[in-house]
C-alpha atoms as a PDB file:
ATOM      1  CA  MET A   1       7.316  23.760  76.410  1.00  0.00           C
ATOM      2  CA  ARG A   2       5.290  20.849  75.109  1.00  0.00           C
ATOM      3  CA  ILE A   3       3.977  18.219  77.505  1.00  0.00           C
ATOM      4  CA  VAL A   4       3.453  14.586  76.536  1.00  0.00           C
ATOM      5  CA  ALA A   5       1.745  12.378  79.111  1.00  0.00           C
ATOM      6  CA  VAL A   6       2.107   8.611  78.842  1.00  0.00           C
ATOM      7  CA  GLY A   7      -0.519   6.392  80.439  1.00  0.00           C
ATOM      8  CA  GLY A   8      -3.617   4.271  80.242  1.00  0.00           C
ATOM      9  CA  PRO A   9      -5.934   2.082  82.312  1.00  0.00           C
ATOM     10  CA  LYS A  10      -3.846  -1.098  82.005  1.00  0.00           C
ATOM     11  CA  GLY A  11      -0.604  -1.970  83.737  1.00  0.00           C
ATOM     12  CA  GLY A  12       2.269  -3.905  82.221  1.00  0.00           C
ATOM     13  CA  VAL A  13       1.921  -2.306  78.792  1.00  0.00           C
ATOM     14  CA  GLY A  14       5.343  -0.665  78.548  1.00  0.00           C
ATOM     15  CA  LYS A  15       4.237   2.724  79.857  1.00  0.00           C
ATOM     16  CA  THR A  16       7.434   3.568  81.729  1.00  0.00           C
ATOM     17  CA  THR A  17       9.638   2.084  79.012  1.00  0.00           C
ATOM     18  CA  THR A  18       7.907   4.324  76.508  1.00  0.00           C
ATOM     19  CA  ALA A  19       8.132   7.454  78.674  1.00  0.00           C
ATOM     20  CA  VAL A  20      11.827   7.005  79.477  1.00  0.00           C
ATOM     21  CA  THR A  21      12.800   6.037  75.928  1.00  0.00           C
ATOM     22  CA  LEU A  22      10.945   8.941  74.329  1.00  0.00           C
ATOM     23  CA  ALA A  23      12.641  11.305  76.768  1.00  0.00           C
ATOM     24  CA  ALA A  24      16.009   9.805  75.792  1.00  0.00           C
ATOM     25  CA  VAL A  25      15.238  10.154  72.065  1.00  0.00           C
ATOM     26  CA  ALA A  26      14.261  13.795  72.565  1.00  0.00           C
ATOM     27  CA  CYS A  27      17.482  14.485  74.433  1.00  0.00           C
ATOM     28  CA  ARG A  28      19.526  12.958  71.620  1.00  0.00           C
ATOM     29  CA  ALA A  29      17.620  15.176  69.213  1.00  0.00           C
ATOM     30  CA  GLY A  30      19.039  18.187  71.024  1.00  0.00           C
ATOM     31  CA  LEU A  31      16.006  19.092  73.131  1.00  0.00           C
ATOM     32  CA  SER A  32      16.062  20.032  76.789  1.00  0.00           C
ATOM     33  CA  VAL A  33      13.891  17.416  78.488  1.00  0.00           C
ATOM     34  CA  LEU A  34      12.178  17.036  81.851  1.00  0.00           C
ATOM     35  CA  LEU A  35      10.982  13.562  82.851  1.00  0.00           C
ATOM     36  CA  VAL A  36       8.162  13.725  85.405  1.00  0.00           C
ATOM     37  CA  ASP A  37       7.443  10.611  87.450  1.00  0.00           C
ATOM     38  CA  SER A  38       3.823  10.623  88.609  1.00  0.00           C
ATOM     39  CA  ASP A  39       3.544   6.891  89.264  1.00  0.00           C
ATOM     40  CA  ARG A  40       3.686   5.753  92.882  1.00  0.00           C
ATOM     41  CA  ASN A  41       5.815   2.802  91.821  1.00  0.00           C
ATOM     42  CA  ARG A  42       8.513   5.348  90.845  1.00  0.00           C
ATOM     43  CA  SER A  43       9.743   3.070  88.082  1.00  0.00           C
ATOM     44  CA  ALA A  44      10.766   6.009  85.891  1.00  0.00           C
ATOM     45  CA  THR A  45      12.742   7.511  88.770  1.00  0.00           C
ATOM     46  CA  ASP A  46      14.525   4.231  89.476  1.00  0.00           C
ATOM     47  CA  TRP A  47      15.358   3.789  85.811  1.00  0.00           C
ATOM     48  CA  ALA A  48      16.550   7.348  85.283  1.00  0.00           C
ATOM     49  CA  GLU A  49      18.696   7.290  88.406  1.00  0.00           C
ATOM     50  CA  SER A  50      20.265   3.974  87.385  1.00  0.00           C
ATOM     51  CA  CYS A  51      21.197   5.543  84.029  1.00  0.00           C
ATOM     52  CA  GLY A  52      22.883   8.477  85.749  1.00  0.00           C
ATOM     53  CA  ASP A  53      24.202  11.504  83.898  1.00  0.00           C
ATOM     54  CA  ARG A  54      24.410   9.719  80.558  1.00  0.00           C
ATOM     55  CA  LEU A  55      20.623   9.894  80.220  1.00  0.00           C
ATOM     56  CA  GLY A  56      20.997  13.665  79.816  1.00  0.00           C
ATOM     57  CA  ILE A  57      17.580  14.678  81.147  1.00  0.00           C
ATOM     58  CA  ASP A  58      16.254  16.267  84.323  1.00  0.00           C
ATOM     59  CA  LEU A  59      13.949  14.351  86.634  1.00  0.00           C
ATOM     60  CA  ALA A  60      11.025  15.707  88.654  1.00  0.00           C
ATOM     61  CA  ASP A  61       8.489  14.295  91.063  1.00  0.00           C
ATOM     62  CA  GLY A  62       4.848  14.614  90.061  1.00  0.00           C
ATOM     63  CA  GLN A  63       3.043  12.541  92.656  1.00  0.00           C
ATOM     64  CA  ASP A  64       0.473  15.257  93.349  1.00  0.00           C
ATOM     65  CA  THR A  65      -2.011  16.201  90.633  1.00  0.00           C
ATOM     66  CA  GLY A  66      -1.312  19.822  91.574  1.00  0.00           C
ATOM     67  CA  ASP A  67       2.298  19.292  90.514  1.00  0.00           C
ATOM     68  CA  LEU A  68       1.082  18.452  87.027  1.00  0.00           C
ATOM     69  CA  ALA A  69      -1.135  21.525  86.933  1.00  0.00           C
ATOM     70  CA  ARG A  70       1.873  23.683  87.747  1.00  0.00           C
ATOM     71  CA  LEU A  71       4.117  21.965  85.232  1.00  0.00           C
ATOM     72  CA  ARG A  72       3.248  24.425  82.478  1.00  0.00           C
ATOM     73  CA  ALA A  73       4.927  27.206  84.429  1.00  0.00           C
ATOM     74  CA  ALA A  74       8.224  25.311  84.730  1.00  0.00           C
ATOM     75  CA  GLY A  75      10.319  27.110  82.144  1.00  0.00           C
ATOM     76  CA  GLY A  76      13.623  26.119  80.628  1.00  0.00           C
ATOM     77  CA  TYR A  77      12.553  22.955  78.832  1.00  0.00           C
ATOM     78  CA  ASP A  78      11.486  22.100  75.303  1.00  0.00           C
ATOM     79  CA  LEU A  79       9.631  18.956  76.351  1.00  0.00           C
ATOM     80  CA  ALA A  80       8.233  17.373  79.501  1.00  0.00           C
ATOM     81  CA  VAL A  81       7.417  13.663  79.392  1.00  0.00           C
ATOM     82  CA  VAL A  82       5.081  12.574  82.190  1.00  0.00           C
ATOM     83  CA  ASP A  83       4.925   8.953  83.306  1.00  0.00           C
ATOM     84  CA  LEU A  84       1.332   8.987  84.560  1.00  0.00           C
ATOM     85  CA  PRO A  85       0.115   7.030  87.579  1.00  0.00           C
ATOM     86  CA  GLY A  86      -1.986   3.981  86.974  1.00  0.00           C
ATOM     87  CA  ALA A  87      -5.689   4.785  86.964  1.00  0.00           C
ATOM     88  CA  ARG A  88      -8.845   2.822  86.586  1.00  0.00           C
ATOM     89  CA  ALA A  89     -11.528   3.977  84.209  1.00  0.00           C
ATOM     90  CA  GLY A  90     -13.141   7.059  85.703  1.00  0.00           C
ATOM     91  CA  GLY A  91      -9.943   8.502  87.128  1.00  0.00           C
ATOM     92  CA  PHE A  92      -8.352  10.084  84.113  1.00  0.00           C
ATOM     93  CA  GLU A  93     -10.120  13.442  84.189  1.00  0.00           C
ATOM     94  CA  THR A  94      -8.491  14.297  87.516  1.00  0.00           C
ATOM     95  CA  ILE A  95      -5.057  13.117  86.402  1.00  0.00           C
ATOM     96  CA  LEU A  96      -5.122  14.876  83.053  1.00  0.00           C
ATOM     97  CA  THR A  97      -6.505  18.199  84.277  1.00  0.00           C
ATOM     98  CA  GLY A  98      -4.498  18.514  87.483  1.00  0.00           C
ATOM     99  CA  ASN A  99      -7.745  18.374  89.457  1.00  0.00           C
ATOM    100  CA  ASN A 100      -9.139  21.584  87.974  1.00  0.00           C
ATOM    101  CA  GLY A 101     -11.711  19.622  86.008  1.00  0.00           C
ATOM    102  CA  ALA A 102     -11.384  21.688  82.867  1.00  0.00           C
ATOM    103  CA  THR A 103      -8.131  22.362  81.043  1.00  0.00           C
ATOM    104  CA  PRO A 104      -5.841  19.397  80.268  1.00  0.00           C
ATOM    105  CA  THR A 105      -2.328  19.736  81.619  1.00  0.00           C
ATOM    106  CA  ALA A 106      -0.738  17.911  78.687  1.00  0.00           C
ATOM    107  CA  ASP A 107      -0.614  18.707  74.986  1.00  0.00           C
ATOM    108  CA  LEU A 108      -0.848  15.029  74.088  1.00  0.00           C
ATOM    109  CA  LEU A 109      -1.743  11.766  75.798  1.00  0.00           C
ATOM    110  CA  LEU A 110       0.163   8.769  74.498  1.00  0.00           C
ATOM    111  CA  ALA A 111      -1.718   5.596  75.389  1.00  0.00           C
ATOM    112  CA  PRO A 112       0.319   2.380  75.066  1.00  0.00           C
ATOM    113  CA  THR A 113      -1.596  -0.883  74.813  1.00  0.00           C
ATOM    114  CA  PRO A 114      -1.063  -4.392  73.507  1.00  0.00           C
ATOM    115  CA  ALA A 115      -3.142  -5.204  70.449  1.00  0.00           C
ATOM    116  CA  GLU A 116      -5.051  -8.038  72.136  1.00  0.00           C
ATOM    117  CA  THR A 117      -8.761  -7.331  72.573  1.00  0.00           C
ATOM    118  CA  MET A 118      -8.798  -7.710  76.370  1.00  0.00           C
ATOM    119  CA  ASP A 119      -6.085  -5.055  76.685  1.00  0.00           C
ATOM    120  CA  LEU A 120      -7.392  -2.785  73.967  1.00  0.00           C
ATOM    121  CA  ARG A 121     -11.026  -2.481  75.047  1.00  0.00           C
ATOM    122  CA  PRO A 122     -10.458  -0.637  78.355  1.00  0.00           C
ATOM    123  CA  THR A 123      -7.999   1.699  76.656  1.00  0.00           C
ATOM    124  CA  LEU A 124     -10.522   2.593  73.985  1.00  0.00           C
ATOM    125  CA  ARG A 125     -13.213   3.170  76.617  1.00  0.00           C
ATOM    126  CA  VAL A 126     -10.970   5.663  78.399  1.00  0.00           C
ATOM    127  CA  LEU A 127      -9.942   7.437  75.190  1.00  0.00           C
ATOM    128  CA  ARG A 128     -13.522   7.779  73.986  1.00  0.00           C
ATOM    129  CA  GLY A 129     -15.264   8.348  77.315  1.00  0.00           C
ATOM    130  CA  GLU A 130     -12.756  10.407  79.314  1.00  0.00           C
ATOM    131  CA  VAL A 131     -10.049  11.828  77.066  1.00  0.00           C
ATOM    132  CA  ALA A 132     -12.062  12.911  74.036  1.00  0.00           C
ATOM    133  CA  PRO A 133     -14.526  15.036  76.100  1.00  0.00           C
ATOM    134  CA  LEU A 134     -11.534  16.981  77.474  1.00  0.00           C
ATOM    135  CA  ARG A 135     -10.599  17.905  73.898  1.00  0.00           C
ATOM    136  CA  LEU A 136      -7.148  16.532  74.596  1.00  0.00           C
ATOM    137  CA  ASP A 137      -5.210  15.197  71.638  1.00  0.00           C
ATOM    138  CA  TYR A 138      -4.208  11.582  72.067  1.00  0.00           C
ATOM    139  CA  LEU A 139      -2.295   8.902  70.236  1.00  0.00           C
ATOM    140  CA  CYS A 140      -2.788   5.211  70.910  1.00  0.00           C
ATOM    141  CA  VAL A 141       0.201   2.944  70.240  1.00  0.00           C
ATOM    142  CA  PHE A 142       0.461  -0.822  70.169  1.00  0.00           C
ATOM    143  CA  THR A 143       3.226  -2.058  72.468  1.00  0.00           C
ATOM    144  CA  ARG A 144       4.671  -5.384  73.579  1.00  0.00           C
ATOM    145  CA  VAL A 145       3.776  -6.955  70.255  1.00  0.00           C
ATOM    146  CA  PRO A 146       5.666 -10.180  69.445  1.00  0.00           C
ATOM    147  CA  SER A 147       7.250 -10.234  66.000  1.00  0.00           C
ATOM    148  CA  TYR A 148       4.880 -12.969  64.829  1.00  0.00           C
ATOM    149  CA  GLY A 149       1.930 -10.760  65.828  1.00  0.00           C
ATOM    150  CA  LEU A 150       3.084  -7.745  63.826  1.00  0.00           C
ATOM    151  CA  PRO A 151       0.858  -8.347  60.738  1.00  0.00           C
ATOM    152  CA  ARG A 152      -2.253  -8.729  62.908  1.00  0.00           C
ATOM    153  CA  ALA A 153      -1.388  -5.628  64.931  1.00  0.00           C
ATOM    154  CA  ARG A 154      -1.040  -3.581  61.767  1.00  0.00           C
ATOM    155  CA  GLN A 155      -4.381  -4.867  60.484  1.00  0.00           C
ATOM    156  CA  GLN A 156      -5.963  -3.988  63.827  1.00  0.00           C
ATOM    157  CA  ALA A 157      -4.475  -0.503  63.580  1.00  0.00           C
ATOM    158  CA  GLU A 158      -6.036  -0.015  60.152  1.00  0.00           C
ATOM    159  CA  VAL A 159      -9.438  -1.000  61.531  1.00  0.00           C
ATOM    160  CA  LEU A 160      -9.114   1.445  64.434  1.00  0.00           C
ATOM    161  CA  ASP A 161      -7.937   4.242  62.143  1.00  0.00           C
ATOM    162  CA  ALA A 162     -10.976   3.704  59.924  1.00  0.00           C
ATOM    163  CA  ALA A 163     -13.168   3.890  63.039  1.00  0.00           C
ATOM    164  CA  GLY A 164     -11.743   7.304  63.946  1.00  0.00           C
ATOM    165  CA  VAL A 165      -9.288   6.201  66.628  1.00  0.00           C
ATOM    166  CA  ARG A 166      -6.006   8.070  66.457  1.00  0.00           C
ATOM    167  CA  ILE A 167      -3.532   5.195  66.297  1.00  0.00           C
ATOM    168  CA  ALA A 168       0.212   5.329  65.675  1.00  0.00           C
ATOM    169  CA  ARG A 169       1.524   3.729  62.529  1.00  0.00           C
ATOM    170  CA  THR A 170       4.506   2.509  64.533  1.00  0.00           C
ATOM    171  CA  VAL A 171       4.170  -0.750  66.443  1.00  0.00           C
ATOM    172  CA  ILE A 172       6.510  -1.356  69.377  1.00  0.00           C
ATOM    173  CA  ARG A 173       7.705  -4.940  69.278  1.00  0.00           C
ATOM    174  CA  THR A 174       8.741  -6.843  72.393  1.00  0.00           C
ATOM    175  CA  TYR A 175      12.324  -8.028  72.793  1.00  0.00           C
ATOM    176  CA  THR A 176      14.348  -9.417  75.686  1.00  0.00           C
ATOM    177  CA  CYS A 177      16.953  -6.709  75.077  1.00  0.00           C
ATOM    178  CA  TYR A 178      14.715  -4.266  76.959  1.00  0.00           C
ATOM    179  CA  ASN A 179      15.369  -6.280  80.117  1.00  0.00           C
ATOM    180  CA  LEU A 180      19.095  -6.269  79.361  1.00  0.00           C
ATOM    181  CA  ALA A 181      19.112  -2.485  79.052  1.00  0.00           C
ATOM    182  CA  LEU A 182      17.208  -2.045  82.309  1.00  0.00           C
ATOM    183  CA  ASP A 183      19.454  -4.498  84.163  1.00  0.00           C
ATOM    184  CA  ASN A 184      22.510  -2.554  82.975  1.00  0.00           C
ATOM    185  CA  GLY A 185      21.119   0.873  83.899  1.00  0.00           C
ATOM    186  CA  GLN A 186      20.668   1.852  80.264  1.00  0.00           C
ATOM    187  CA  THR A 187      17.949   2.703  77.794  1.00  0.00           C
ATOM    188  CA  ILE A 188      17.484   0.638  74.673  1.00  0.00           C
ATOM    189  CA  LEU A 189      19.265   3.425  72.777  1.00  0.00           C
ATOM    190  CA  ASP A 190      22.497   2.711  74.667  1.00  0.00           C
ATOM    191  CA  LEU A 191      22.824  -0.881  73.477  1.00  0.00           C
ATOM    192  CA  PRO A 192      24.940  -1.665  70.405  1.00  0.00           C
ATOM    193  CA  ALA A 193      22.761  -1.212  67.310  1.00  0.00           C
ATOM    194  CA  THR A 194      22.720  -4.843  66.235  1.00  0.00           C
ATOM    195  CA  GLY A 195      20.063  -7.557  66.022  1.00  0.00           C
ATOM    196  CA  SER A 196      16.951  -7.074  68.125  1.00  0.00           C
ATOM    197  CA  ALA A 197      18.382  -3.987  69.853  1.00  0.00           C
ATOM    198  CA  GLU A 198      18.653  -2.230  66.511  1.00  0.00           C
ATOM    199  CA  ARG A 199      15.056  -3.133  65.650  1.00  0.00           C
ATOM    200  CA  ALA A 200      13.862  -1.930  69.044  1.00  0.00           C
ATOM    201  CA  GLN A 201      15.707   1.351  68.542  1.00  0.00           C
ATOM    202  CA  GLN A 202      14.138   1.782  65.115  1.00  0.00           C
ATOM    203  CA  ASP A 203      10.695   1.246  66.637  1.00  0.00           C
ATOM    204  CA  TYR A 204      11.154   4.003  69.193  1.00  0.00           C
ATOM    205  CA  TYR A 205      12.786   6.463  66.812  1.00  0.00           C
ATOM    206  CA  ALA A 206       9.806   5.992  64.486  1.00  0.00           C
ATOM    207  CA  LEU A 207       7.326   6.413  67.349  1.00  0.00           C
ATOM    208  CA  ALA A 208       9.153   9.538  68.540  1.00  0.00           C
ATOM    209  CA  ARG A 209       8.700  11.138  65.126  1.00  0.00           C
ATOM    210  CA  GLU A 210       4.959  10.498  65.282  1.00  0.00           C
ATOM    211  CA  VAL A 211       4.624  11.665  68.887  1.00  0.00           C
ATOM    212  CA  PHE A 212       6.643  14.844  68.430  1.00  0.00           C
ATOM    213  CA  THR A 213       4.668  15.757  65.311  1.00  0.00           C
ATOM    214  CA  ALA A 214       1.353  15.097  67.075  1.00  0.00           C
ATOM    215  CA  ALA A 215       2.455  17.242  70.034  1.00  0.00           C
ATOM    216  CA  GLY A 216       3.511  20.127  67.800  1.00  0.00           C
ATOM    217  CA  LEU A 217       7.166  19.711  68.670  1.00  0.00           C
ATOM    218  CA  HIS A 218       9.805  20.338  66.032  1.00  0.00           C
ATOM    219  CA  ALA A 219      12.741  17.985  66.466  1.00  0.00           C
ATOM    220  CA  LYS A 220      15.020  16.179  64.049  1.00  0.00           C
ATOM    221  CA  VAL A 221      15.060  12.533  65.122  1.00  0.00           C
ATOM    222  CA  ASN A 222      17.924  10.517  63.674  1.00  0.00           C
ATOM    223  CA  PRO A 223      18.409   6.785  64.202  1.00  0.00           C
END
């Protein structure tokens, strides 16, 4: 089993949306998927339960850091996606190592962040100061980017890549259809593939390909 943890030091960056949608993409790719909700807000749990059986994944509670440490022994799944709890800078070592202070629980940390400087700086501090010393692979991804900000986000990504930051080529754009999906107890993948919903789906299918490759997971992702 491969474990992808999704989190960062900033709230409101699309963390739960990313965790739930990647789990849904993996399920549609034929993988057996476990979604682990480690956030006290339980947003992933609420979303998954509102989707019901059509989501096609199993759900587990991961409120205790010990639960994450034991996750590796939970057989029967190809992929576990962990919606991490919010954490200020300085708290990620405990979360990512299950409190053992040494070996990371996950195979990959996916760190969503808007491209704006005030959002990006704390994320980079955590990646460089707390994640890198753990020798944990990570992938930073720009999220909640308005369509008009796409060119600037891509330029910013090129700058970060040149500076040695592992940044996804995919940029997740922000659309109101995400709210529609949530209100209807769906993921963005369940909406008719037209207009902004189709573009949002394309964004997450593209990100899934990058994430699965980075995590060493072999899955055929089709839009």
